[in-house]
């Protein structure tokens, strides 16, 4: 559950339960034949005495314990009816998602949901031929808190660095999070918010993301590549092409079923790209995707 202020609810497992004293998000087991949303409502009533009135899928993932593998189906509740009560004598606290990265005695199943909570719904790519003036003029029209990838393949390394040095502080001052896609060391040195790799670069890395202190994204085109990205330690994947688009008229498309199959239990947030835009966010959320990525949906022609 998340308040309008951004704080999320964390509960502590009470005495007498497995992992007593450890912290987790509220919830429980889905009964056989029970829809996920129905299970969410039942668990919130049983544990906290409330009824959710606004909720959507957040992320699905698997977690392996020593004796079993569990499948986690997590939802983001943003509105509820009733007054919170500890119906199982459990402690609970509201806190910022950022604090949960170092929360003492948090169950390992908390981390993937925190990763999804910390990333925005919008991942904006720059037009490949955009000039500096066009980029600066368009910053104010981009969604607040969006990721902004400086994707300018026509520029050589020096020109790319000069442009990044100009755009990065202004974009960050506008509340955007800037992602570079050249040398990851350059992104780190310039104070970028992330680095983006292609699927080919991911393969060359040999199955390991290079820079843990900085968020790392990767472009994927299949279920297998998304799974590889999760295993390699990337923070999020961009998956496409989802639908036919003018920029890639002959590209093979996944369709919504293909996107959902890749996003399901991927273990990391997955953005949809290709023929999609902000209007498609409900469809993306229904498939347990993180949000949408794109160019033309965000930059006026």
C-alpha atoms as a PDB file:
ATOM      1  CA  UNK A   1       0.000   0.000   0.000  1.00  0.00           C
ATOM      2  CA  UNK A   2       1.226   3.479  -0.834  1.00  0.00           C
ATOM      3  CA  UNK A   3       0.066   6.883   0.370  1.00  0.00           C
ATOM      4  CA  UNK A   4      -0.155   9.931  -1.893  1.00  0.00           C
ATOM      5  CA  UNK A   5       2.996  11.158  -0.110  1.00  0.00           C
ATOM      6  CA  UNK A   6       4.881   8.136  -1.449  1.00  0.00           C
ATOM      7  CA  UNK A   7       5.217   6.261   1.841  1.00  0.00           C
ATOM      8  CA  UNK A   8       4.503   2.524   1.782  1.00  0.00           C
ATOM      9  CA  UNK A   9       3.185   0.228   4.511  1.00  0.00           C
ATOM     10  CA  UNK A  10       5.445  -2.425   6.003  1.00  0.00           C
ATOM     11  CA  UNK A  11       4.318  -4.987   8.573  1.00  0.00           C
ATOM     12  CA  UNK A  12       6.274  -7.148  11.007  1.00  0.00           C
ATOM     13  CA  UNK A  13       5.482 -10.829  11.252  1.00  0.00           C
ATOM     14  CA  UNK A  14       4.086 -11.512  14.751  1.00  0.00           C
ATOM     15  CA  UNK A  15       5.257 -14.029  17.315  1.00  0.00           C
ATOM     16  CA  UNK A  16       4.189 -17.567  16.588  1.00  0.00           C
ATOM     17  CA  UNK A  17       4.526 -17.285  12.807  1.00  0.00           C
ATOM     18  CA  UNK A  18       7.380 -18.489  10.613  1.00  0.00           C
ATOM     19  CA  UNK A  19      10.034 -15.734  10.355  1.00  0.00           C
ATOM     20  CA  UNK A  20       8.552 -13.896  13.353  1.00  0.00           C
ATOM     21  CA  UNK A  21      10.089 -10.446  13.777  1.00  0.00           C
ATOM     22  CA  UNK A  22      10.913 -10.044  10.097  1.00  0.00           C
ATOM     23  CA  UNK A  23       9.355  -7.264   8.021  1.00  0.00           C
ATOM     24  CA  UNK A  24       7.292  -7.698   4.864  1.00  0.00           C
ATOM     25  CA  UNK A  25       4.512  -6.157   2.828  1.00  0.00           C
ATOM     26  CA  UNK A  26       1.058  -7.207   4.035  1.00  0.00           C
ATOM     27  CA  UNK A  27      -0.536 -10.164   2.261  1.00  0.00           C
ATOM     28  CA  UNK A  28      -0.734 -13.919   2.294  1.00  0.00           C
ATOM     29  CA  UNK A  29      -1.485 -17.069   0.349  1.00  0.00           C
ATOM     30  CA  UNK A  30      -3.892 -17.214  -2.571  1.00  0.00           C
ATOM     31  CA  UNK A  31      -6.425 -19.980  -2.010  1.00  0.00           C
ATOM     32  CA  UNK A  32      -6.988 -22.560  -4.792  1.00  0.00           C
ATOM     33  CA  UNK A  33      -9.184 -21.042  -7.488  1.00  0.00           C
ATOM     34  CA  UNK A  34      -9.116 -17.598  -5.865  1.00  0.00           C
ATOM     35  CA  UNK A  35      -8.427 -14.586  -8.130  1.00  0.00           C
ATOM     36  CA  UNK A  36      -5.419 -12.504  -7.070  1.00  0.00           C
ATOM     37  CA  UNK A  37      -7.492  -9.365  -6.447  1.00  0.00           C
ATOM     38  CA  UNK A  38      -9.932 -11.312  -4.281  1.00  0.00           C
ATOM     39  CA  UNK A  39      -7.032 -12.727  -2.273  1.00  0.00           C
ATOM     40  CA  UNK A  40      -5.648  -9.212  -1.828  1.00  0.00           C
ATOM     41  CA  UNK A  41      -8.950  -7.931  -0.463  1.00  0.00           C
ATOM     42  CA  UNK A  42      -9.368 -10.897   1.856  1.00  0.00           C
ATOM     43  CA  UNK A  43      -5.843 -10.647   3.267  1.00  0.00           C
ATOM     44  CA  UNK A  44      -6.070  -6.895   3.854  1.00  0.00           C
ATOM     45  CA  UNK A  45      -9.309  -7.388   5.750  1.00  0.00           C
ATOM     46  CA  UNK A  46      -7.941 -10.288   7.810  1.00  0.00           C
ATOM     47  CA  UNK A  47      -4.644  -8.574   8.666  1.00  0.00           C
ATOM     48  CA  UNK A  48      -5.519  -4.867   8.798  1.00  0.00           C
ATOM     49  CA  UNK A  49      -9.300  -4.508   8.766  1.00  0.00           C
ATOM     50  CA  UNK A  50      -9.420  -2.436   5.567  1.00  0.00           C
ATOM     51  CA  UNK A  51     -10.872  -2.751   2.066  1.00  0.00           C
ATOM     52  CA  UNK A  52      -8.851  -1.649  -0.956  1.00  0.00           C
ATOM     53  CA  UNK A  53     -10.691   0.743  -3.271  1.00  0.00           C
ATOM     54  CA  UNK A  54      -7.898   1.394  -5.773  1.00  0.00           C
ATOM     55  CA  UNK A  55      -5.284  -1.217  -6.668  1.00  0.00           C
ATOM     56  CA  UNK A  56      -3.349  -2.510  -9.663  1.00  0.00           C
ATOM     57  CA  UNK A  57      -0.830  -5.277 -10.388  1.00  0.00           C
ATOM     58  CA  UNK A  58       2.752  -4.282  -9.576  1.00  0.00           C
ATOM     59  CA  UNK A  59       5.174  -7.163 -10.219  1.00  0.00           C
ATOM     60  CA  UNK A  60       5.254 -10.962 -10.273  1.00  0.00           C
ATOM     61  CA  UNK A  61       8.342 -12.939  -9.342  1.00  0.00           C
ATOM     62  CA  UNK A  62       9.585 -16.266  -8.024  1.00  0.00           C
ATOM     63  CA  UNK A  63      11.553 -16.718  -4.825  1.00  0.00           C
ATOM     64  CA  UNK A  64      13.409 -19.872  -3.919  1.00  0.00           C
ATOM     65  CA  UNK A  65      13.534 -20.880  -0.264  1.00  0.00           C
ATOM     66  CA  UNK A  66      15.580 -23.853   0.903  1.00  0.00           C
ATOM     67  CA  UNK A  67      12.613 -26.196   0.747  1.00  0.00           C
ATOM     68  CA  UNK A  68      10.269 -24.647  -1.825  1.00  0.00           C
ATOM     69  CA  UNK A  69       9.747 -22.073  -4.566  1.00  0.00           C
ATOM     70  CA  UNK A  70       7.015 -19.490  -4.062  1.00  0.00           C
ATOM     71  CA  UNK A  71       5.353 -17.343  -6.707  1.00  0.00           C
ATOM     72  CA  UNK A  72       4.699 -13.763  -5.593  1.00  0.00           C
ATOM     73  CA  UNK A  73       1.830 -11.804  -7.144  1.00  0.00           C
ATOM     74  CA  UNK A  74       2.153  -8.260  -5.770  1.00  0.00           C
ATOM     75  CA  UNK A  75      -0.298  -5.376  -6.113  1.00  0.00           C
ATOM     76  CA  UNK A  76      -0.011  -1.658  -5.506  1.00  0.00           C
ATOM     77  CA  UNK A  77      -2.863  -0.353  -3.336  1.00  0.00           C
ATOM     78  CA  UNK A  78      -3.219   3.425  -3.496  1.00  0.00           C
ATOM     79  CA  UNK A  79      -6.588   3.899  -1.760  1.00  0.00           C
ATOM     80  CA  UNK A  80      -8.542   1.990   0.858  1.00  0.00           C
ATOM     81  CA  UNK A  81     -11.571   2.249   3.096  1.00  0.00           C
ATOM     82  CA  UNK A  82     -11.469   1.766   6.853  1.00  0.00           C
ATOM     83  CA  UNK A  83      -9.011   2.378   9.675  1.00  0.00           C
ATOM     84  CA  UNK A  84      -5.793   0.361   9.916  1.00  0.00           C
ATOM     85  CA  UNK A  85      -5.847  -2.103  12.801  1.00  0.00           C
ATOM     86  CA  UNK A  86      -3.294  -4.754  13.728  1.00  0.00           C
ATOM     87  CA  UNK A  87      -5.741  -7.650  13.693  1.00  0.00           C
ATOM     88  CA  UNK A  88      -2.913 -10.199  14.114  1.00  0.00           C
ATOM     89  CA  UNK A  89      -1.034  -8.219  16.784  1.00  0.00           C
ATOM     90  CA  UNK A  90       1.594  -7.278  14.234  1.00  0.00           C
ATOM     91  CA  UNK A  91       3.576  -4.047  14.207  1.00  0.00           C
ATOM     92  CA  UNK A  92       3.319  -1.842  11.121  1.00  0.00           C
ATOM     93  CA  UNK A  93       4.991   1.316   9.892  1.00  0.00           C
ATOM     94  CA  UNK A  94       4.748   3.760   6.988  1.00  0.00           C
ATOM     95  CA  UNK A  95       8.107   4.544   5.379  1.00  0.00           C
ATOM     96  CA  UNK A  96       9.676   5.811   2.159  1.00  0.00           C
ATOM     97  CA  UNK A  97      10.506   3.065  -0.372  1.00  0.00           C
ATOM     98  CA  UNK A  98      14.122   4.268  -0.451  1.00  0.00           C
ATOM     99  CA  UNK A  99      14.517   3.309   3.213  1.00  0.00           C
ATOM    100  CA  UNK A 100      13.607  -0.301   2.462  1.00  0.00           C
ATOM    101  CA  UNK A 101      16.820  -0.957   0.551  1.00  0.00           C
ATOM    102  CA  UNK A 102      18.643  -1.117   3.894  1.00  0.00           C
ATOM    103  CA  UNK A 103      15.750  -2.062   6.165  1.00  0.00           C
ATOM    104  CA  UNK A 104      16.968  -4.382   8.976  1.00  0.00           C
ATOM    105  CA  UNK A 105      15.372  -7.829   8.973  1.00  0.00           C
ATOM    106  CA  UNK A 106      13.355  -7.328   5.807  1.00  0.00           C
ATOM    107  CA  UNK A 107      12.364 -10.578   4.143  1.00  0.00           C
ATOM    108  CA  UNK A 108      14.158 -11.160   0.812  1.00  0.00           C
ATOM    109  CA  UNK A 109      10.797 -11.073  -0.985  1.00  0.00           C
ATOM    110  CA  UNK A 110      10.561  -7.346  -0.215  1.00  0.00           C
ATOM    111  CA  UNK A 111      13.396  -6.321  -2.574  1.00  0.00           C
ATOM    112  CA  UNK A 112      11.781  -6.941  -6.004  1.00  0.00           C
ATOM    113  CA  UNK A 113       8.682  -4.971  -5.033  1.00  0.00           C
ATOM    114  CA  UNK A 114      10.851  -2.124  -3.748  1.00  0.00           C
ATOM    115  CA  UNK A 115      12.667  -2.057  -7.078  1.00  0.00           C
ATOM    116  CA  UNK A 116       9.343  -1.618  -8.887  1.00  0.00           C
ATOM    117  CA  UNK A 117       8.220   1.063  -6.418  1.00  0.00           C
ATOM    118  CA  UNK A 118      11.385   3.084  -6.952  1.00  0.00           C
ATOM    119  CA  UNK A 119      11.138   3.215 -10.746  1.00  0.00           C
ATOM    120  CA  UNK A 120       8.704   5.503 -12.616  1.00  0.00           C
ATOM    121  CA  UNK A 121       6.027   4.540 -15.134  1.00  0.00           C
ATOM    122  CA  UNK A 122       7.595   6.488 -18.014  1.00  0.00           C
ATOM    123  CA  UNK A 123      10.931   5.808 -19.733  1.00  0.00           C
ATOM    124  CA  UNK A 124      11.543   8.457 -22.395  1.00  0.00           C
ATOM    125  CA  UNK A 125      14.071   7.909 -25.196  1.00  0.00           C
ATOM    126  CA  UNK A 126      15.411  10.935 -27.059  1.00  0.00           C
ATOM    127  CA  UNK A 127      14.823  11.124 -30.819  1.00  0.00           C
ATOM    128  CA  UNK A 128      17.968   9.680 -32.425  1.00  0.00           C
ATOM    129  CA  UNK A 129      18.628  12.852 -34.429  1.00  0.00           C
ATOM    130  CA  UNK A 130      17.588  15.387 -31.786  1.00  0.00           C
ATOM    131  CA  UNK A 131      19.576  18.605 -31.484  1.00  0.00           C
ATOM    132  CA  UNK A 132      20.598  20.113 -28.179  1.00  0.00           C
ATOM    133  CA  UNK A 133      18.027  22.894 -28.577  1.00  0.00           C
ATOM    134  CA  UNK A 134      15.204  20.426 -29.245  1.00  0.00           C
ATOM    135  CA  UNK A 135      16.116  18.390 -26.179  1.00  0.00           C
ATOM    136  CA  UNK A 136      16.293  21.401 -23.893  1.00  0.00           C
ATOM    137  CA  UNK A 137      13.037  22.843 -25.238  1.00  0.00           C
ATOM    138  CA  UNK A 138      11.222  19.560 -24.635  1.00  0.00           C
ATOM    139  CA  UNK A 139      12.331  18.798 -21.076  1.00  0.00           C
ATOM    140  CA  UNK A 140       9.501  20.708 -19.451  1.00  0.00           C
ATOM    141  CA  UNK A 141       6.836  18.712 -21.304  1.00  0.00           C
ATOM    142  CA  UNK A 142       8.061  15.293 -20.149  1.00  0.00           C
ATOM    143  CA  UNK A 143       6.274  13.424 -17.325  1.00  0.00           C
ATOM    144  CA  UNK A 144       7.554  14.322 -13.840  1.00  0.00           C
ATOM    145  CA  UNK A 145      10.140  11.870 -12.464  1.00  0.00           C
ATOM    146  CA  UNK A 146      10.433  10.101 -15.838  1.00  0.00           C
ATOM    147  CA  UNK A 147      13.574   8.322 -16.889  1.00  0.00           C
ATOM    148  CA  UNK A 148      15.266  10.071 -19.837  1.00  0.00           C
ATOM    149  CA  UNK A 149      17.652   8.031 -21.977  1.00  0.00           C
ATOM    150  CA  UNK A 150      20.061  10.064 -24.098  1.00  0.00           C
ATOM    151  CA  UNK A 151      20.003   7.807 -27.153  1.00  0.00           C
ATOM    152  CA  UNK A 152      21.884   9.635 -29.901  1.00  0.00           C
ATOM    153  CA  UNK A 153      23.598   6.996 -32.069  1.00  0.00           C
ATOM    154  CA  UNK A 154      24.792   9.451 -34.732  1.00  0.00           C
ATOM    155  CA  UNK A 155      27.097  11.309 -32.315  1.00  0.00           C
ATOM    156  CA  UNK A 156      30.682  10.256 -31.813  1.00  0.00           C
ATOM    157  CA  UNK A 157      31.954   9.713 -28.274  1.00  0.00           C
ATOM    158  CA  UNK A 158      33.224  13.275 -27.768  1.00  0.00           C
ATOM    159  CA  UNK A 159      30.070  14.935 -29.099  1.00  0.00           C
ATOM    160  CA  UNK A 160      27.900  12.625 -27.006  1.00  0.00           C
ATOM    161  CA  UNK A 161      29.823  13.520 -23.846  1.00  0.00           C
ATOM    162  CA  UNK A 162      29.569  17.268 -24.572  1.00  0.00           C
ATOM    163  CA  UNK A 163      25.817  17.017 -25.075  1.00  0.00           C
ATOM    164  CA  UNK A 164      25.371  14.869 -21.987  1.00  0.00           C
ATOM    165  CA  UNK A 165      27.250  17.413 -19.883  1.00  0.00           C
ATOM    166  CA  UNK A 166      24.829  20.131 -21.052  1.00  0.00           C
ATOM    167  CA  UNK A 167      21.595  18.185 -20.783  1.00  0.00           C
ATOM    168  CA  UNK A 168      22.180  16.166 -17.629  1.00  0.00           C
ATOM    169  CA  UNK A 169      22.108  18.915 -14.945  1.00  0.00           C
ATOM    170  CA  UNK A 170      19.178  20.713 -16.577  1.00  0.00           C
ATOM    171  CA  UNK A 171      17.142  17.525 -16.915  1.00  0.00           C
ATOM    172  CA  UNK A 172      17.855  16.542 -13.316  1.00  0.00           C
ATOM    173  CA  UNK A 173      16.888  20.019 -12.149  1.00  0.00           C
ATOM    174  CA  UNK A 174      13.563  19.486 -13.963  1.00  0.00           C
ATOM    175  CA  UNK A 175      12.970  16.340 -11.894  1.00  0.00           C
ATOM    176  CA  UNK A 176      13.966  13.829 -14.561  1.00  0.00           C
ATOM    177  CA  UNK A 177      16.350  10.896 -14.109  1.00  0.00           C
ATOM    178  CA  UNK A 178      18.950  10.746 -16.865  1.00  0.00           C
ATOM    179  CA  UNK A 179      20.236   7.477 -18.328  1.00  0.00           C
ATOM    180  CA  UNK A 180      23.281   7.340 -20.631  1.00  0.00           C
ATOM    181  CA  UNK A 181      24.038   4.534 -23.065  1.00  0.00           C
ATOM    182  CA  UNK A 182      27.723   4.792 -23.939  1.00  0.00           C
ATOM    183  CA  UNK A 183      30.601   3.950 -21.587  1.00  0.00           C
ATOM    184  CA  UNK A 184      29.148   3.090 -18.156  1.00  0.00           C
ATOM    185  CA  UNK A 185      32.147   4.720 -16.517  1.00  0.00           C
ATOM    186  CA  UNK A 186      31.201   7.980 -18.249  1.00  0.00           C
ATOM    187  CA  UNK A 187      27.662   7.735 -16.875  1.00  0.00           C
ATOM    188  CA  UNK A 188      29.044   7.203 -13.403  1.00  0.00           C
ATOM    189  CA  UNK A 189      31.571  10.043 -13.701  1.00  0.00           C
ATOM    190  CA  UNK A 190      28.976  12.541 -14.929  1.00  0.00           C
ATOM    191  CA  UNK A 191      26.532  11.734 -12.149  1.00  0.00           C
ATOM    192  CA  UNK A 192      23.894  10.157 -14.391  1.00  0.00           C
ATOM    193  CA  UNK A 193      21.041   8.290 -12.752  1.00  0.00           C
ATOM    194  CA  UNK A 194      21.556   5.162 -14.827  1.00  0.00           C
ATOM    195  CA  UNK A 195      23.160   3.372 -17.740  1.00  0.00           C
ATOM    196  CA  UNK A 196      21.437   1.521 -20.586  1.00  0.00           C
ATOM    197  CA  UNK A 197      22.852  -1.504 -22.417  1.00  0.00           C
ATOM    198  CA  UNK A 198      21.741  -3.207 -25.599  1.00  0.00           C
ATOM    199  CA  UNK A 199      21.073  -6.951 -25.642  1.00  0.00           C
ATOM    200  CA  UNK A 200      24.349  -7.399 -27.534  1.00  0.00           C
ATOM    201  CA  UNK A 201      26.262  -5.522 -24.832  1.00  0.00           C
ATOM    202  CA  UNK A 202      24.584  -7.675 -22.185  1.00  0.00           C
ATOM    203  CA  UNK A 203      25.848 -10.788 -23.972  1.00  0.00           C
ATOM    204  CA  UNK A 204      29.372  -9.367 -24.133  1.00  0.00           C
ATOM    205  CA  UNK A 205      29.282  -8.699 -20.390  1.00  0.00           C
ATOM    206  CA  UNK A 206      29.100 -12.433 -19.839  1.00  0.00           C
ATOM    207  CA  UNK A 207      26.000 -12.463 -17.685  1.00  0.00           C
ATOM    208  CA  UNK A 208      26.871  -9.774 -15.174  1.00  0.00           C
ATOM    209  CA  UNK A 209      25.811  -6.117 -14.973  1.00  0.00           C
ATOM    210  CA  UNK A 210      28.891  -3.907 -14.471  1.00  0.00           C
ATOM    211  CA  UNK A 211      28.049  -1.050 -12.094  1.00  0.00           C
ATOM    212  CA  UNK A 212      26.100  -1.845  -8.944  1.00  0.00           C
ATOM    213  CA  UNK A 213      26.143   1.755  -7.562  1.00  0.00           C
ATOM    214  CA  UNK A 214      24.080   2.982 -10.540  1.00  0.00           C
ATOM    215  CA  UNK A 215      20.773   1.778 -11.973  1.00  0.00           C
ATOM    216  CA  UNK A 216      21.269  -0.356 -15.058  1.00  0.00           C
ATOM    217  CA  UNK A 217      18.768  -0.965 -17.842  1.00  0.00           C
ATOM    218  CA  UNK A 218      18.884  -3.267 -20.848  1.00  0.00           C
ATOM    219  CA  UNK A 219      16.961  -3.628 -24.099  1.00  0.00           C
ATOM    220  CA  UNK A 220      15.464  -7.090 -24.648  1.00  0.00           C
ATOM    221  CA  UNK A 221      13.507  -8.759 -27.431  1.00  0.00           C
ATOM    222  CA  UNK A 222      12.496 -12.130 -26.018  1.00  0.00           C
ATOM    223  CA  UNK A 223      11.535 -14.031 -22.893  1.00  0.00           C
ATOM    224  CA  UNK A 224      15.006 -15.529 -22.732  1.00  0.00           C
ATOM    225  CA  UNK A 225      16.756 -12.151 -22.889  1.00  0.00           C
ATOM    226  CA  UNK A 226      14.525 -10.782 -20.110  1.00  0.00           C
ATOM    227  CA  UNK A 227      15.367 -13.763 -17.911  1.00  0.00           C
ATOM    228  CA  UNK A 228      19.042 -13.304 -18.688  1.00  0.00           C
ATOM    229  CA  UNK A 229      18.784  -9.632 -17.679  1.00  0.00           C
ATOM    230  CA  UNK A 230      17.296 -10.581 -14.321  1.00  0.00           C
ATOM    231  CA  UNK A 231      19.986 -13.174 -13.677  1.00  0.00           C
ATOM    232  CA  UNK A 232      22.702 -10.677 -14.655  1.00  0.00           C
ATOM    233  CA  UNK A 233      21.586  -8.159 -12.044  1.00  0.00           C
ATOM    234  CA  UNK A 234      20.073  -5.461 -14.257  1.00  0.00           C
ATOM    235  CA  UNK A 235      17.569  -3.230 -12.494  1.00  0.00           C
ATOM    236  CA  UNK A 236      14.992  -3.209 -15.298  1.00  0.00           C
ATOM    237  CA  UNK A 237      14.461  -4.352 -18.881  1.00  0.00           C
ATOM    238  CA  UNK A 238      12.877  -2.633 -21.878  1.00  0.00           C
ATOM    239  CA  UNK A 239      11.024  -5.226 -23.966  1.00  0.00           C
ATOM    240  CA  UNK A 240       9.750  -4.915 -27.522  1.00  0.00           C
ATOM    241  CA  UNK A 241       8.617  -4.562 -30.126  1.00  0.00           C
ATOM    242  CA  UNK A 242       5.150  -4.934 -28.551  1.00  0.00           C
ATOM    243  CA  UNK A 243       2.985  -3.508 -31.381  1.00  0.00           C
ATOM    244  CA  UNK A 244       3.693  -2.396 -34.966  1.00  0.00           C
ATOM    245  CA  UNK A 245       5.248   1.050 -35.125  1.00  0.00           C
ATOM    246  CA  UNK A 246       6.181   3.553 -37.820  1.00  0.00           C
ATOM    247  CA  UNK A 247       9.803   3.609 -36.672  1.00  0.00           C
ATOM    248  CA  UNK A 248      10.187  -0.187 -37.094  1.00  0.00           C
ATOM    249  CA  UNK A 249       7.643  -1.165 -39.767  1.00  0.00           C
ATOM    250  CA  UNK A 250       9.099  -4.605 -40.501  1.00  0.00           C
ATOM    251  CA  UNK A 251       9.993  -5.662 -36.971  1.00  0.00           C
ATOM    252  CA  UNK A 252       8.550  -8.817 -35.455  1.00  0.00           C
ATOM    253  CA  UNK A 253       6.030  -7.953 -32.750  1.00  0.00           C
ATOM    254  CA  UNK A 254       5.371  -9.670 -29.449  1.00  0.00           C
ATOM    255  CA  UNK A 255       1.790  -8.521 -28.996  1.00  0.00           C
ATOM    256  CA  UNK A 256       0.328  -8.082 -25.535  1.00  0.00           C
ATOM    257  CA  UNK A 257       0.310 -11.835 -24.879  1.00  0.00           C
ATOM    258  CA  UNK A 258       3.998 -12.078 -25.717  1.00  0.00           C
ATOM    259  CA  UNK A 259       4.819  -9.107 -23.531  1.00  0.00           C
ATOM    260  CA  UNK A 260       2.838 -10.566 -20.629  1.00  0.00           C
ATOM    261  CA  UNK A 261       4.566 -13.934 -21.014  1.00  0.00           C
ATOM    262  CA  UNK A 262       7.968 -12.264 -20.747  1.00  0.00           C
ATOM    263  CA  UNK A 263       7.056  -9.898 -17.921  1.00  0.00           C
ATOM    264  CA  UNK A 264       5.430 -12.632 -15.818  1.00  0.00           C
ATOM    265  CA  UNK A 265       7.850 -13.780 -13.120  1.00  0.00           C
ATOM    266  CA  UNK A 266      10.757 -12.018 -14.861  1.00  0.00           C
ATOM    267  CA  UNK A 267      12.186 -11.039 -11.485  1.00  0.00           C
ATOM    268  CA  UNK A 268      12.717  -7.416 -12.491  1.00  0.00           C
ATOM    269  CA  UNK A 269      10.585  -4.490 -13.734  1.00  0.00           C
ATOM    270  CA  UNK A 270       9.864  -4.606 -17.479  1.00  0.00           C
ATOM    271  CA  UNK A 271       8.946  -1.631 -19.687  1.00  0.00           C
ATOM    272  CA  UNK A 272       6.959  -2.078 -22.912  1.00  0.00           C
ATOM    273  CA  UNK A 273       8.283  -0.401 -26.070  1.00  0.00           C
ATOM    274  CA  UNK A 274       7.202  -0.295 -29.695  1.00  0.00           C
ATOM    275  CA  UNK A 275       3.863   1.121 -30.795  1.00  0.00           C
ATOM    276  CA  UNK A 276       2.865   1.984 -27.227  1.00  0.00           C
ATOM    277  CA  UNK A 277       2.464   5.181 -25.234  1.00  0.00           C
ATOM    278  CA  UNK A 278       1.117   6.544 -21.956  1.00  0.00           C
ATOM    279  CA  UNK A 279      -2.451   5.633 -22.931  1.00  0.00           C
ATOM    280  CA  UNK A 280      -1.379   1.973 -22.841  1.00  0.00           C
ATOM    281  CA  UNK A 281      -0.311   2.053 -19.180  1.00  0.00           C
ATOM    282  CA  UNK A 282      -3.430   0.186 -17.937  1.00  0.00           C
ATOM    283  CA  UNK A 283      -2.686  -2.622 -20.412  1.00  0.00           C
ATOM    284  CA  UNK A 284       0.945  -2.719 -19.319  1.00  0.00           C
ATOM    285  CA  UNK A 285       0.030  -2.822 -15.627  1.00  0.00           C
ATOM    286  CA  UNK A 286      -2.457  -5.631 -16.269  1.00  0.00           C
ATOM    287  CA  UNK A 287       0.477  -7.625 -17.682  1.00  0.00           C
ATOM    288  CA  UNK A 288       2.570  -6.840 -14.569  1.00  0.00           C
ATOM    289  CA  UNK A 289       4.776  -4.488 -16.576  1.00  0.00           C
ATOM    290  CA  UNK A 290       6.509  -1.472 -15.024  1.00  0.00           C
ATOM    291  CA  UNK A 291       5.458   1.117 -17.590  1.00  0.00           C
ATOM    292  CA  UNK A 292       6.049   2.292 -21.161  1.00  0.00           C
ATOM    293  CA  UNK A 293       9.161   3.396 -23.009  1.00  0.00           C
ATOM    294  CA  UNK A 294       9.246   5.263 -26.266  1.00  0.00           C
ATOM    295  CA  UNK A 295      10.223   8.205 -28.431  1.00  0.00           C
ATOM    296  CA  UNK A 296       7.352   9.584 -30.515  1.00  0.00           C
ATOM    297  CA  UNK A 297       4.828   9.213 -27.679  1.00  0.00           C
ATOM    298  CA  UNK A 298       6.778  11.833 -25.713  1.00  0.00           C
ATOM    299  CA  UNK A 299       8.355  14.181 -28.264  1.00  0.00           C
ATOM    300  CA  UNK A 300       6.171  16.334 -30.559  1.00  0.00           C
ATOM    301  CA  UNK A 301       7.018  16.061 -34.237  1.00  0.00           C
END
